[in-house]
Amino acid sequence: MVNAVTLNQTIHDFGGFARELFEVQYRAKGSPEVAKLTAKLLEEGGFSTVIDNVRGLDHGAWVPLKLMYPDADIPVLQLSVQSHLGPKHHFDLGRAIAPLRKKNIAIIASGSFTHNLREIAWGGGEEETWSKEFSAWFDNALKAHAVDDLLNYRRLAPFAEKNHPSDEHLLPIFVALGAAGESYELERLHSSATFGSLRMDAYSFS
């Protein structure tokens, strides 16, 4: 699904957090034109595509964008991940939309480097060993351009299922990896662990 609206509504698709979070608004303009181009590229790549003329931005999009572009002064469209499909599907999806980069369109793949809320230490504390080892493996594989290993991370990475009981929060990085091309240059922009095991590392592919 690709959203194609002129003005994005803010979707608060979460529960159990402070009231202030539900009051946050991020009213970025959309880009129906780029949405149509994205859908065209996806279809040419063999993907079934639906254009949604109503849906706005969920928290996977507006939370990082609020930090990056606090004034919401860039047009934004959102492309959904398919949580029931795996890394290879999303890698291929990234390859399909890679031509957008040549049109000065940023592909921002927002997710979470580790994501197991059942293991969260809300009181804080040192990072868990299983979180450290997984993130170090993934970081090294990205630096080594070990694409096959990354696509098979659930089998090869230490504590993969502990860090990601399901794939969906890691799938966006495979879109970025596919869009980056084979000879990408990688820069780690941010690395942090909070609540014992929640990693929000950020990378730039160029």
N, C-alpha and C. Protein backbone atom coordinates (compact mmCIF):
# COMPACT_ATOMS: atom_id res chain seq x y z
N MET A 1 0.83 -1.18 0.00
CA MET A 1 0.00 0.00 0.00
C MET A 1 0.88 1.25 0.00
N VAL A 2 0.53 2.19 -0.87
CA VAL A 2 1.20 3.50 -0.92
C VAL A 2 0.14 4.55 -0.63
N ASN A 3 0.41 5.45 0.33
CA ASN A 3 -0.60 6.48 0.58
C ASN A 3 -0.38 7.68 -0.33
N ALA A 4 -1.47 8.22 -0.83
CA ALA A 4 -1.41 9.33 -1.79
C ALA A 4 -2.43 10.39 -1.37
N VAL A 5 -2.03 11.23 -0.44
CA VAL A 5 -2.91 12.28 0.07
C VAL A 5 -2.23 13.63 -0.12
N THR A 6 -3.01 14.70 -0.07
CA THR A 6 -2.40 16.03 -0.18
C THR A 6 -1.91 16.53 1.17
N LEU A 7 -2.56 16.09 2.26
CA LEU A 7 -2.14 16.45 3.62
C LEU A 7 -2.29 15.23 4.51
N ASN A 8 -1.20 14.80 5.14
CA ASN A 8 -1.21 13.60 5.98
C ASN A 8 -1.84 13.86 7.34
N GLN A 9 -2.79 13.03 7.73
CA GLN A 9 -3.29 13.02 9.09
C GLN A 9 -2.30 12.23 9.96
N THR A 10 -2.30 12.51 11.27
CA THR A 10 -1.41 11.82 12.20
C THR A 10 -2.15 10.66 12.84
N ILE A 11 -1.65 9.45 12.63
CA ILE A 11 -2.29 8.25 13.18
C ILE A 11 -1.56 7.84 14.45
N HIS A 12 -2.30 7.74 15.55
CA HIS A 12 -1.73 7.33 16.83
C HIS A 12 -2.05 5.85 17.05
N ASP A 13 -1.28 5.01 16.39
CA ASP A 13 -1.58 3.57 16.38
C ASP A 13 -0.79 2.84 17.47
N PHE A 14 -1.05 3.21 18.73
CA PHE A 14 -0.40 2.58 19.87
C PHE A 14 -1.29 2.79 21.08
N GLY A 15 -0.95 2.15 22.17
CA GLY A 15 -1.74 2.30 23.39
C GLY A 15 -0.86 2.18 24.62
N GLY A 16 -1.36 2.66 25.75
CA GLY A 16 -0.67 2.50 27.01
C GLY A 16 0.44 3.51 27.28
N PHE A 17 0.47 4.60 26.52
CA PHE A 17 1.51 5.61 26.72
C PHE A 17 0.90 6.91 27.23
N ALA A 18 1.76 7.87 27.54
CA ALA A 18 1.30 9.13 28.12
C ALA A 18 0.36 9.87 27.17
N ARG A 19 -0.61 10.58 27.76
CA ARG A 19 -1.61 11.30 26.99
C ARG A 19 -0.97 12.27 26.00
N GLU A 20 0.17 12.87 26.40
CA GLU A 20 0.82 13.86 25.54
C GLU A 20 1.19 13.29 24.17
N LEU A 21 1.52 12.00 24.13
CA LEU A 21 1.88 11.38 22.85
C LEU A 21 0.70 11.36 21.89
N PHE A 22 -0.49 11.20 22.44
CA PHE A 22 -1.69 11.14 21.59
C PHE A 22 -2.11 12.53 21.10
N GLU A 23 -1.49 13.55 21.66
CA GLU A 23 -1.79 14.92 21.23
C GLU A 23 -0.81 15.43 20.18
N VAL A 24 0.25 14.68 19.93
CA VAL A 24 1.25 15.10 18.94
C VAL A 24 0.64 15.06 17.55
N GLN A 25 0.86 16.11 16.80
CA GLN A 25 0.40 16.17 15.41
C GLN A 25 1.61 16.39 14.50
N TYR A 26 1.59 15.72 13.36
CA TYR A 26 2.65 15.91 12.36
C TYR A 26 1.95 16.01 11.01
N ARG A 27 1.68 17.23 10.60
CA ARG A 27 0.83 17.47 9.43
C ARG A 27 1.67 17.76 8.19
N ALA A 28 2.43 16.78 7.77
CA ALA A 28 3.23 16.94 6.55
C ALA A 28 2.35 16.81 5.32
N LYS A 29 2.69 17.56 4.30
CA LYS A 29 2.00 17.40 3.02
C LYS A 29 2.33 16.03 2.44
N GLY A 30 1.43 15.53 1.61
CA GLY A 30 1.71 14.31 0.87
C GLY A 30 2.21 14.64 -0.52
N SER A 31 2.33 13.61 -1.33
CA SER A 31 2.75 13.80 -2.72
C SER A 31 2.10 12.73 -3.59
N PRO A 32 0.85 12.96 -4.00
CA PRO A 32 0.17 11.98 -4.87
C PRO A 32 0.97 11.67 -6.13
N GLU A 33 1.70 12.66 -6.62
CA GLU A 33 2.50 12.45 -7.84
C GLU A 33 3.59 11.40 -7.62
N VAL A 34 4.33 11.56 -6.50
CA VAL A 34 5.39 10.60 -6.19
C VAL A 34 4.79 9.25 -5.80
N ALA A 35 3.63 9.27 -5.17
CA ALA A 35 2.95 8.01 -4.84
C ALA A 35 2.64 7.21 -6.10
N LYS A 36 2.17 7.90 -7.13
CA LYS A 36 1.87 7.21 -8.39
C LYS A 36 3.13 6.66 -9.04
N LEU A 37 4.21 7.43 -8.98
CA LEU A 37 5.48 6.97 -9.52
C LEU A 37 5.98 5.75 -8.75
N THR A 38 5.86 5.79 -7.42
CA THR A 38 6.28 4.67 -6.58
C THR A 38 5.48 3.42 -6.92
N ALA A 39 4.17 3.58 -7.05
CA ALA A 39 3.31 2.44 -7.41
C ALA A 39 3.69 1.87 -8.77
N LYS A 40 4.01 2.75 -9.70
CA LYS A 40 4.42 2.31 -11.04
C LYS A 40 5.70 1.49 -10.98
N LEU A 41 6.69 1.96 -10.21
CA LEU A 41 7.95 1.23 -10.07
C LEU A 41 7.73 -0.13 -9.42
N LEU A 42 6.86 -0.16 -8.42
CA LEU A 42 6.57 -1.42 -7.74
C LEU A 42 5.91 -2.42 -8.69
N GLU A 43 4.95 -1.94 -9.45
CA GLU A 43 4.27 -2.83 -10.39
C GLU A 43 5.23 -3.33 -11.46
N GLU A 44 6.12 -2.47 -11.91
CA GLU A 44 7.13 -2.90 -12.89
C GLU A 44 8.08 -3.93 -12.29
N GLY A 45 8.23 -3.88 -10.96
CA GLY A 45 9.07 -4.86 -10.27
C GLY A 45 8.34 -6.13 -9.89
N GLY A 46 7.07 -6.23 -10.28
CA GLY A 46 6.30 -7.45 -10.03
C GLY A 46 5.51 -7.45 -8.74
N PHE A 47 5.34 -6.28 -8.12
CA PHE A 47 4.59 -6.20 -6.86
C PHE A 47 3.17 -5.71 -7.11
N SER A 48 2.22 -6.35 -6.44
CA SER A 48 0.84 -5.85 -6.44
C SER A 48 0.79 -4.61 -5.58
N THR A 49 0.15 -3.56 -6.06
CA THR A 49 0.18 -2.28 -5.35
C THR A 49 -1.22 -1.69 -5.23
N VAL A 50 -1.51 -1.13 -4.05
CA VAL A 50 -2.77 -0.42 -3.82
C VAL A 50 -2.43 1.01 -3.44
N ILE A 51 -3.07 1.97 -4.07
CA ILE A 51 -2.91 3.38 -3.69
C ILE A 51 -4.06 3.76 -2.77
N ASP A 52 -3.72 4.25 -1.58
CA ASP A 52 -4.72 4.64 -0.58
C ASP A 52 -4.80 6.17 -0.54
N ASN A 53 -5.98 6.71 -0.85
CA ASN A 53 -6.17 8.16 -0.92
C ASN A 53 -6.67 8.78 0.39
N VAL A 54 -6.65 7.98 1.47
CA VAL A 54 -7.18 8.46 2.75
C VAL A 54 -6.15 8.38 3.88
N ARG A 55 -5.45 7.28 3.96
CA ARG A 55 -4.59 7.00 5.11
C ARG A 55 -3.48 8.04 5.27
N GLY A 56 -3.21 8.42 6.52
CA GLY A 56 -2.12 9.34 6.83
C GLY A 56 -0.87 8.60 7.24
N LEU A 57 -0.14 9.16 8.21
CA LEU A 57 1.14 8.60 8.65
C LEU A 57 0.99 7.95 10.02
N ASP A 58 1.40 6.69 10.14
CA ASP A 58 1.39 6.05 11.45
C ASP A 58 2.68 6.40 12.20
N HIS A 59 2.79 5.92 13.45
CA HIS A 59 3.91 6.38 14.29
C HIS A 59 5.26 5.90 13.78
N GLY A 60 5.27 4.85 12.97
CA GLY A 60 6.52 4.41 12.38
C GLY A 60 7.11 5.45 11.44
N ALA A 61 6.26 6.31 10.92
CA ALA A 61 6.73 7.39 10.03
C ALA A 61 6.89 8.71 10.78
N TRP A 62 5.85 9.13 11.51
CA TRP A 62 5.91 10.49 12.04
C TRP A 62 6.85 10.65 13.24
N VAL A 63 7.11 9.58 13.99
CA VAL A 63 8.03 9.73 15.13
C VAL A 63 9.44 10.11 14.67
N PRO A 64 10.08 9.35 13.77
CA PRO A 64 11.41 9.80 13.32
C PRO A 64 11.37 11.10 12.53
N LEU A 65 10.31 11.30 11.74
CA LEU A 65 10.23 12.53 10.96
C LEU A 65 10.09 13.76 11.86
N LYS A 66 9.42 13.60 12.98
CA LYS A 66 9.27 14.71 13.93
C LYS A 66 10.63 15.17 14.45
N LEU A 67 11.56 14.22 14.59
CA LEU A 67 12.91 14.57 15.03
C LEU A 67 13.75 15.13 13.89
N MET A 68 13.58 14.57 12.70
CA MET A 68 14.40 14.96 11.56
C MET A 68 13.93 16.26 10.91
N TYR A 69 12.63 16.39 10.79
CA TYR A 69 12.02 17.56 10.13
C TYR A 69 10.89 18.07 11.02
N PRO A 70 11.24 18.71 12.15
CA PRO A 70 10.21 19.08 13.13
C PRO A 70 9.14 20.02 12.60
N ASP A 71 9.44 20.76 11.55
CA ASP A 71 8.45 21.69 11.00
C ASP A 71 7.56 21.04 9.94
N ALA A 72 7.75 19.74 9.72
CA ALA A 72 6.95 19.01 8.72
C ALA A 72 6.94 19.73 7.38
N ASP A 73 8.13 20.17 6.97
CA ASP A 73 8.22 21.01 5.77
C ASP A 73 8.72 20.25 4.54
N ILE A 74 8.58 18.93 4.55
CA ILE A 74 8.86 18.14 3.35
C ILE A 74 7.64 17.28 3.04
N PRO A 75 7.36 17.04 1.77
CA PRO A 75 6.25 16.13 1.43
C PRO A 75 6.63 14.69 1.77
N VAL A 76 5.66 13.95 2.28
CA VAL A 76 5.92 12.58 2.75
C VAL A 76 4.84 11.64 2.22
N LEU A 77 5.28 10.47 1.77
CA LEU A 77 4.32 9.39 1.52
C LEU A 77 4.84 8.16 2.23
N GLN A 78 3.94 7.27 2.60
CA GLN A 78 4.32 6.08 3.35
C GLN A 78 4.01 4.83 2.54
N LEU A 79 4.95 3.90 2.59
CA LEU A 79 4.83 2.61 1.92
C LEU A 79 4.76 1.54 3.00
N SER A 80 3.75 0.69 2.96
CA SER A 80 3.57 -0.29 4.03
C SER A 80 4.51 -1.48 3.86
N VAL A 81 4.93 -2.05 5.01
CA VAL A 81 5.64 -3.32 4.98
C VAL A 81 4.62 -4.45 5.02
N GLN A 82 5.04 -5.61 4.59
CA GLN A 82 4.18 -6.80 4.61
C GLN A 82 4.71 -7.71 5.71
N SER A 83 4.12 -7.62 6.89
CA SER A 83 4.69 -8.30 8.06
C SER A 83 4.70 -9.82 7.93
N HIS A 84 3.86 -10.36 7.04
CA HIS A 84 3.83 -11.82 6.87
C HIS A 84 4.85 -12.30 5.85
N LEU A 85 5.54 -11.37 5.20
CA LEU A 85 6.58 -11.71 4.23
C LEU A 85 7.94 -11.34 4.82
N GLY A 86 8.98 -11.95 4.31
CA GLY A 86 10.27 -11.85 4.98
C GLY A 86 11.23 -10.84 4.40
N PRO A 87 12.49 -10.91 4.84
CA PRO A 87 13.51 -9.96 4.40
C PRO A 87 13.70 -9.91 2.88
N LYS A 88 13.70 -11.06 2.20
CA LYS A 88 13.97 -11.05 0.75
C LYS A 88 12.90 -10.27 0.00
N HIS A 89 11.65 -10.42 0.39
CA HIS A 89 10.56 -9.66 -0.24
C HIS A 89 10.83 -8.17 -0.12
N HIS A 90 11.23 -7.73 1.05
CA HIS A 90 11.43 -6.30 1.29
C HIS A 90 12.73 -5.80 0.65
N PHE A 91 13.73 -6.65 0.58
CA PHE A 91 14.94 -6.31 -0.16
C PHE A 91 14.61 -6.07 -1.64
N ASP A 92 13.83 -6.97 -2.21
CA ASP A 92 13.43 -6.81 -3.62
C ASP A 92 12.56 -5.58 -3.81
N LEU A 93 11.72 -5.29 -2.83
CA LEU A 93 10.90 -4.08 -2.88
C LEU A 93 11.79 -2.84 -2.93
N GLY A 94 12.83 -2.84 -2.10
CA GLY A 94 13.77 -1.73 -2.10
C GLY A 94 14.46 -1.57 -3.44
N ARG A 95 14.82 -2.68 -4.05
CA ARG A 95 15.45 -2.62 -5.37
C ARG A 95 14.50 -2.01 -6.40
N ALA A 96 13.22 -2.34 -6.27
CA ALA A 96 12.23 -1.83 -7.23
C ALA A 96 12.08 -0.31 -7.15
N ILE A 97 12.17 0.24 -5.94
CA ILE A 97 11.96 1.69 -5.80
C ILE A 97 13.27 2.48 -5.80
N ALA A 98 14.39 1.79 -6.00
CA ALA A 98 15.70 2.47 -5.99
C ALA A 98 15.79 3.65 -6.96
N PRO A 99 15.14 3.61 -8.14
CA PRO A 99 15.23 4.76 -9.05
C PRO A 99 14.74 6.08 -8.45
N LEU A 100 13.95 6.02 -7.38
CA LEU A 100 13.50 7.26 -6.73
C LEU A 100 14.69 8.09 -6.24
N ARG A 101 15.77 7.42 -5.88
CA ARG A 101 16.94 8.14 -5.35
C ARG A 101 17.51 9.11 -6.37
N LYS A 102 17.42 8.76 -7.63
CA LYS A 102 17.96 9.62 -8.68
C LYS A 102 17.10 10.85 -8.91
N LYS A 103 15.92 10.88 -8.31
CA LYS A 103 15.01 12.01 -8.43
C LYS A 103 15.02 12.87 -7.16
N ASN A 104 16.08 12.72 -6.36
CA ASN A 104 16.23 13.50 -5.13
C ASN A 104 15.12 13.20 -4.12
N ILE A 105 14.70 11.94 -4.10
CA ILE A 105 13.67 11.49 -3.16
C ILE A 105 14.34 10.58 -2.13
N ALA A 106 14.24 10.94 -0.86
CA ALA A 106 14.85 10.15 0.21
C ALA A 106 13.98 8.94 0.53
N ILE A 107 14.62 7.80 0.68
CA ILE A 107 13.93 6.58 1.12
C ILE A 107 14.32 6.38 2.58
N ILE A 108 13.38 6.65 3.48
CA ILE A 108 13.63 6.54 4.92
C ILE A 108 12.95 5.28 5.42
N ALA A 109 13.75 4.34 5.88
CA ALA A 109 13.23 3.04 6.33
C ALA A 109 13.23 3.03 7.86
N SER A 110 12.08 3.20 8.44
CA SER A 110 11.97 3.38 9.89
C SER A 110 11.50 2.09 10.55
N GLY A 111 12.27 1.65 11.54
CA GLY A 111 11.89 0.45 12.28
C GLY A 111 12.57 0.47 13.63
N SER A 112 13.09 -0.69 14.04
CA SER A 112 13.78 -0.79 15.32
C SER A 112 14.82 -1.89 15.21
N PHE A 113 16.04 -1.60 15.64
CA PHE A 113 17.15 -2.55 15.47
C PHE A 113 16.93 -3.79 16.34
N THR A 114 16.35 -3.61 17.51
CA THR A 114 15.88 -4.72 18.33
C THR A 114 14.48 -4.34 18.82
N HIS A 115 13.65 -5.35 19.02
CA HIS A 115 12.28 -5.00 19.42
C HIS A 115 11.59 -6.21 20.06
N ASN A 116 11.76 -6.32 21.37
CA ASN A 116 11.06 -7.35 22.13
C ASN A 116 10.53 -6.68 23.40
N LEU A 117 9.31 -6.16 23.30
CA LEU A 117 8.76 -5.37 24.41
C LEU A 117 8.53 -6.21 25.66
N ARG A 118 8.42 -7.53 25.52
CA ARG A 118 8.24 -8.38 26.70
C ARG A 118 9.50 -8.44 27.55
N GLU A 119 10.62 -8.11 26.96
CA GLU A 119 11.90 -8.16 27.69
C GLU A 119 12.37 -6.78 28.12
N ILE A 120 11.55 -5.76 27.90
CA ILE A 120 11.95 -4.39 28.23
C ILE A 120 12.12 -4.24 29.75
N ALA A 121 13.22 -3.59 30.15
CA ALA A 121 13.44 -3.25 31.55
C ALA A 121 13.06 -1.78 31.72
N TRP A 122 11.80 -1.54 32.06
CA TRP A 122 11.31 -0.17 32.10
C TRP A 122 12.06 0.70 33.11
N GLY A 123 12.69 0.05 34.08
CA GLY A 123 13.47 0.81 35.06
C GLY A 123 14.87 1.15 34.60
N GLY A 124 15.22 0.69 33.40
CA GLY A 124 16.56 0.97 32.88
C GLY A 124 17.55 -0.12 33.27
N GLY A 125 18.81 0.19 33.17
CA GLY A 125 19.86 -0.78 33.49
C GLY A 125 20.78 -1.02 32.31
N GLU A 126 21.77 -1.87 32.53
CA GLU A 126 22.75 -2.18 31.49
C GLU A 126 22.09 -2.95 30.34
N GLU A 127 22.68 -2.79 29.16
CA GLU A 127 22.15 -3.50 28.00
C GLU A 127 22.37 -5.00 28.14
N GLU A 128 21.36 -5.77 27.77
CA GLU A 128 21.44 -7.23 27.83
C GLU A 128 22.47 -7.76 26.83
N THR A 129 23.13 -8.86 27.20
CA THR A 129 24.13 -9.48 26.32
C THR A 129 23.52 -9.88 25.00
N TRP A 130 22.30 -10.42 25.04
CA TRP A 130 21.68 -10.90 23.80
C TRP A 130 21.35 -9.75 22.84
N SER A 131 21.11 -8.58 23.38
CA SER A 131 20.90 -7.40 22.53
C SER A 131 22.22 -6.92 21.94
N LYS A 132 23.26 -6.88 22.75
CA LYS A 132 24.59 -6.46 22.28
C LYS A 132 25.09 -7.36 21.16
N GLU A 133 24.99 -8.67 21.37
CA GLU A 133 25.55 -9.62 20.40
C GLU A 133 24.80 -9.57 19.08
N PHE A 134 23.49 -9.45 19.15
CA PHE A 134 22.71 -9.37 17.91
C PHE A 134 23.05 -8.10 17.14
N SER A 135 23.06 -6.98 17.82
CA SER A 135 23.29 -5.71 17.13
C SER A 135 24.71 -5.64 16.57
N ALA A 136 25.69 -6.21 17.28
CA ALA A 136 27.07 -6.23 16.77
C ALA A 136 27.16 -7.09 15.52
N TRP A 137 26.48 -8.23 15.53
CA TRP A 137 26.49 -9.11 14.34
C TRP A 137 25.87 -8.38 13.15
N PHE A 138 24.74 -7.73 13.37
CA PHE A 138 24.04 -7.07 12.27
C PHE A 138 24.88 -5.90 11.74
N ASP A 139 25.48 -5.15 12.64
CA ASP A 139 26.32 -4.02 12.23
C ASP A 139 27.50 -4.51 11.39
N ASN A 140 28.16 -5.57 11.84
CA ASN A 140 29.30 -6.10 11.09
C ASN A 140 28.88 -6.63 9.73
N ALA A 141 27.72 -7.28 9.66
CA ALA A 141 27.23 -7.80 8.38
C ALA A 141 26.90 -6.67 7.41
N LEU A 142 26.33 -5.59 7.91
CA LEU A 142 26.07 -4.42 7.06
C LEU A 142 27.37 -3.84 6.52
N LYS A 143 28.36 -3.71 7.40
CA LYS A 143 29.65 -3.14 6.98
C LYS A 143 30.35 -4.03 5.96
N ALA A 144 30.15 -5.35 6.07
CA ALA A 144 30.81 -6.30 5.18
C ALA A 144 30.03 -6.54 3.89
N HIS A 145 28.90 -5.87 3.73
CA HIS A 145 28.04 -6.07 2.56
C HIS A 145 27.61 -7.54 2.44
N ALA A 146 27.42 -8.18 3.58
CA ALA A 146 27.07 -9.61 3.61
C ALA A 146 25.56 -9.76 3.43
N VAL A 147 25.08 -9.44 2.25
CA VAL A 147 23.64 -9.38 2.00
C VAL A 147 22.97 -10.73 2.23
N ASP A 148 23.57 -11.81 1.75
CA ASP A 148 22.96 -13.13 1.94
C ASP A 148 22.82 -13.47 3.42
N ASP A 149 23.83 -13.15 4.21
CA ASP A 149 23.75 -13.40 5.65
C ASP A 149 22.64 -12.57 6.28
N LEU A 150 22.55 -11.31 5.88
CA LEU A 150 21.52 -10.43 6.43
C LEU A 150 20.13 -10.94 6.11
N LEU A 151 19.94 -11.39 4.87
CA LEU A 151 18.62 -11.90 4.48
C LEU A 151 18.25 -13.16 5.24
N ASN A 152 19.26 -13.86 5.75
CA ASN A 152 19.03 -15.09 6.53
C ASN A 152 19.35 -14.87 8.00
N TYR A 153 19.14 -13.64 8.47
CA TYR A 153 19.54 -13.29 9.83
C TYR A 153 18.85 -14.15 10.89
N ARG A 154 17.64 -14.59 10.63
CA ARG A 154 16.93 -15.37 11.66
C ARG A 154 17.61 -16.70 11.92
N ARG A 155 18.34 -17.18 10.94
CA ARG A 155 19.07 -18.44 11.10
C ARG A 155 20.50 -18.20 11.57
N LEU A 156 21.10 -17.08 11.18
CA LEU A 156 22.53 -16.88 11.39
C LEU A 156 22.88 -15.93 12.53
N ALA A 157 22.06 -14.96 12.81
CA ALA A 157 22.41 -13.96 13.83
C ALA A 157 22.19 -14.53 15.23
N PRO A 158 23.07 -14.20 16.17
CA PRO A 158 22.87 -14.66 17.55
C PRO A 158 21.63 -14.01 18.17
N PHE A 159 20.85 -14.84 18.84
CA PHE A 159 19.66 -14.36 19.56
C PHE A 159 18.67 -13.62 18.66
N ALA A 160 18.57 -14.06 17.40
CA ALA A 160 17.69 -13.36 16.45
C ALA A 160 16.24 -13.34 16.93
N GLU A 161 15.72 -14.48 17.34
CA GLU A 161 14.31 -14.54 17.74
C GLU A 161 14.08 -13.87 19.08
N LYS A 162 15.09 -13.83 19.91
CA LYS A 162 14.98 -13.13 21.19
C LYS A 162 14.82 -11.62 20.96
N ASN A 163 15.58 -11.10 20.01
CA ASN A 163 15.52 -9.67 19.70
C ASN A 163 14.33 -9.30 18.83
N HIS A 164 13.92 -10.23 17.98
CA HIS A 164 12.78 -9.99 17.08
C HIS A 164 11.87 -11.21 17.07
N PRO A 165 10.95 -11.30 18.05
CA PRO A 165 10.00 -12.41 18.03
C PRO A 165 9.24 -12.50 16.71
N SER A 166 9.04 -11.37 16.06
CA SER A 166 8.49 -11.32 14.70
C SER A 166 9.31 -10.28 13.93
N ASP A 167 9.20 -10.36 12.60
CA ASP A 167 10.10 -9.61 11.72
C ASP A 167 9.79 -8.12 11.56
N GLU A 168 8.55 -7.70 11.79
CA GLU A 168 8.08 -6.46 11.17
C GLU A 168 8.89 -5.21 11.53
N HIS A 169 9.48 -5.15 12.73
CA HIS A 169 10.21 -3.94 13.09
C HIS A 169 11.60 -3.87 12.48
N LEU A 170 12.08 -4.99 11.94
CA LEU A 170 13.38 -5.00 11.27
C LEU A 170 13.25 -4.97 9.75
N LEU A 171 12.09 -5.30 9.24
CA LEU A 171 11.91 -5.40 7.79
C LEU A 171 12.27 -4.11 7.03
N PRO A 172 12.01 -2.92 7.58
CA PRO A 172 12.34 -1.72 6.81
C PRO A 172 13.81 -1.61 6.42
N ILE A 173 14.72 -2.13 7.24
CA ILE A 173 16.13 -1.99 6.88
C ILE A 173 16.47 -2.77 5.62
N PHE A 174 15.70 -3.82 5.34
CA PHE A 174 15.94 -4.58 4.11
C PHE A 174 15.47 -3.80 2.88
N VAL A 175 14.46 -2.97 3.06
CA VAL A 175 14.05 -2.07 1.97
C VAL A 175 15.20 -1.10 1.66
N ALA A 176 15.77 -0.51 2.70
CA ALA A 176 16.90 0.40 2.52
C ALA A 176 18.09 -0.31 1.88
N LEU A 177 18.34 -1.52 2.33
CA LEU A 177 19.46 -2.30 1.80
C LEU A 177 19.27 -2.59 0.31
N GLY A 178 18.06 -2.94 -0.07
CA GLY A 178 17.78 -3.18 -1.48
C GLY A 178 17.89 -1.93 -2.32
N ALA A 179 17.41 -0.83 -1.79
CA ALA A 179 17.45 0.44 -2.53
C ALA A 179 18.87 0.98 -2.65
N ALA A 180 19.75 0.59 -1.72
CA ALA A 180 21.11 1.13 -1.69
C ALA A 180 21.98 0.62 -2.83
N GLY A 181 21.67 -0.56 -3.36
CA GLY A 181 22.50 -1.13 -4.42
C GLY A 181 23.68 -1.90 -3.86
N GLU A 182 24.39 -2.60 -4.73
CA GLU A 182 25.44 -3.52 -4.28
C GLU A 182 26.66 -2.81 -3.70
N SER A 183 27.02 -1.66 -4.21
CA SER A 183 28.27 -1.00 -3.79
C SER A 183 28.00 0.16 -2.85
N TYR A 184 27.06 -0.02 -1.94
CA TYR A 184 26.68 1.07 -1.05
C TYR A 184 27.82 1.46 -0.10
N GLU A 185 27.81 2.71 0.30
CA GLU A 185 28.65 3.19 1.39
C GLU A 185 27.75 3.35 2.61
N LEU A 186 28.26 2.93 3.75
CA LEU A 186 27.46 2.87 4.97
C LEU A 186 28.04 3.79 6.04
N GLU A 187 27.15 4.51 6.70
CA GLU A 187 27.55 5.32 7.86
C GLU A 187 26.55 5.11 8.98
N ARG A 188 27.06 4.77 10.15
CA ARG A 188 26.16 4.65 11.30
C ARG A 188 25.99 6.03 11.91
N LEU A 189 24.77 6.53 11.87
CA LEU A 189 24.48 7.88 12.33
C LEU A 189 24.21 7.93 13.83
N HIS A 190 23.73 6.82 14.37
CA HIS A 190 23.32 6.81 15.78
C HIS A 190 23.33 5.37 16.28
N SER A 191 23.70 5.20 17.54
CA SER A 191 23.63 3.89 18.18
C SER A 191 23.28 4.08 19.65
N SER A 192 22.22 3.43 20.10
CA SER A 192 21.84 3.55 21.51
C SER A 192 21.00 2.35 21.92
N ALA A 193 21.06 2.05 23.21
CA ALA A 193 20.21 1.02 23.79
C ALA A 193 19.56 1.59 25.04
N THR A 194 18.24 1.49 25.11
CA THR A 194 17.52 1.96 26.29
C THR A 194 16.67 0.82 26.84
N PHE A 195 16.31 0.95 28.11
CA PHE A 195 15.46 -0.05 28.77
C PHE A 195 16.05 -1.46 28.66
N GLY A 196 17.37 -1.54 28.63
CA GLY A 196 18.03 -2.85 28.68
C GLY A 196 18.22 -3.54 27.36
N SER A 197 17.33 -3.29 26.38
CA SER A 197 17.44 -4.07 25.14
C SER A 197 16.81 -3.42 23.92
N LEU A 198 16.32 -2.20 24.04
CA LEU A 198 15.65 -1.56 22.91
C LEU A 198 16.66 -0.69 22.15
N ARG A 199 17.05 -1.18 20.98
CA ARG A 199 18.06 -0.48 20.18
C ARG A 199 17.40 0.28 19.04
N MET A 200 17.86 1.54 18.87
CA MET A 200 17.33 2.40 17.82
C MET A 200 18.47 2.91 16.94
N ASP A 201 19.35 2.01 16.52
CA ASP A 201 20.48 2.41 15.68
C ASP A 201 19.98 2.95 14.34
N ALA A 202 20.73 3.89 13.78
CA ALA A 202 20.34 4.51 12.51
C ALA A 202 21.53 4.52 11.56
N TYR A 203 21.25 4.22 10.30
CA TYR A 203 22.30 4.15 9.27
C TYR A 203 21.91 4.99 8.07
N SER A 204 22.95 5.45 7.39
CA SER A 204 22.77 6.12 6.10
C SER A 204 23.44 5.27 5.03
N PHE A 205 22.70 4.96 3.97
CA PHE A 205 23.24 4.24 2.81
C PHE A 205 23.40 5.24 1.67
N SER A 206 24.56 5.22 1.03
CA SER A 206 24.76 6.11 -0.11
C SER A 206 25.56 5.40 -1.19
